[in-house]
């Protein structure tokens, strides 16, 4: 049995959704900032979930 390699630290990688949300709340009118900011956060969650599922698939294949 091969020893497992430690996972790469990707804790500093972010999709940037929080930054987009903050910028929209700071500079856009509220009527536009709220739906677009919420969409940015939901997109960030989806990207994170997709990345996690892709790692899971790679681990099963290995």
Protein backbone atom coordinates (compact mmCIF):
# COMPACT_ATOMS: atom_id res chain seq x y z
CA UNK A 1 0.00 0.00 0.00
CA UNK A 2 1.35 3.40 -1.03
CA UNK A 3 1.59 6.09 1.64
CA UNK A 4 -0.81 8.93 1.07
CA UNK A 5 0.58 12.26 -0.02
CA UNK A 6 -0.53 15.24 2.04
CA UNK A 7 -3.16 17.36 0.35
CA UNK A 8 -2.05 20.65 -1.13
CA UNK A 9 -3.03 23.59 0.99
CA UNK A 10 -5.64 25.49 -0.99
CA UNK A 11 -7.06 27.37 1.97
CA UNK A 12 -5.85 30.68 0.57
CA UNK A 13 -7.68 30.21 -2.74
CA UNK A 14 -11.07 31.84 -2.94
CA UNK A 15 -13.52 32.42 -5.72
CA UNK A 16 -13.65 36.12 -4.85
CA UNK A 17 -17.39 36.16 -4.22
CA UNK A 18 -16.99 38.01 -0.93
CA UNK A 19 -14.95 40.72 -2.61
CA UNK A 20 -17.55 41.13 -5.36
CA UNK A 21 -20.35 41.25 -2.78
CA UNK A 22 -18.51 43.90 -0.74
CA UNK A 23 -17.71 46.03 -3.78
CA UNK A 24 -21.30 45.91 -4.97
CA UNK A 25 -22.64 46.88 -1.55
CA UNK A 26 -20.16 49.77 -1.36
CA UNK A 27 -20.51 51.23 -4.84
CA UNK A 28 -23.73 50.06 -6.52
CA UNK A 29 -27.28 51.18 -5.78
CA UNK A 30 -28.93 48.86 -3.27
CA UNK A 31 -31.59 47.74 -5.75
CA UNK A 32 -28.82 46.37 -7.99
CA UNK A 33 -26.28 45.39 -5.30
CA UNK A 34 -28.49 43.01 -3.37
CA UNK A 35 -29.47 40.60 -6.18
CA UNK A 36 -26.05 40.73 -7.88
CA UNK A 37 -24.19 40.35 -4.59
CA UNK A 38 -26.37 37.41 -3.62
CA UNK A 39 -25.73 35.82 -7.03
CA UNK A 40 -21.97 36.26 -6.50
CA UNK A 41 -22.12 34.51 -3.13
CA UNK A 42 -24.25 31.66 -4.51
CA UNK A 43 -21.80 31.27 -7.40
CA UNK A 44 -18.92 31.11 -4.92
CA UNK A 45 -20.70 28.37 -2.99
CA UNK A 46 -21.35 26.43 -6.20
CA UNK A 47 -17.71 26.70 -7.28
CA UNK A 48 -16.53 25.53 -3.87
CA UNK A 49 -18.95 22.60 -3.90
CA UNK A 50 -17.93 21.64 -7.44
CA UNK A 51 -14.25 21.74 -6.49
CA UNK A 52 -14.86 19.53 -3.48
CA UNK A 53 -16.81 17.02 -5.55
CA UNK A 54 -14.07 16.95 -8.18
CA UNK A 55 -11.50 16.16 -5.48
CA UNK A 56 -13.73 13.40 -4.20
CA UNK A 57 -13.95 11.92 -7.70
CA UNK A 58 -10.18 12.07 -8.12
CA UNK A 59 -9.67 10.36 -4.76
CA UNK A 60 -11.99 7.53 -5.73
CA UNK A 61 -10.25 7.09 -9.06
CA UNK A 62 -6.79 6.91 -7.45
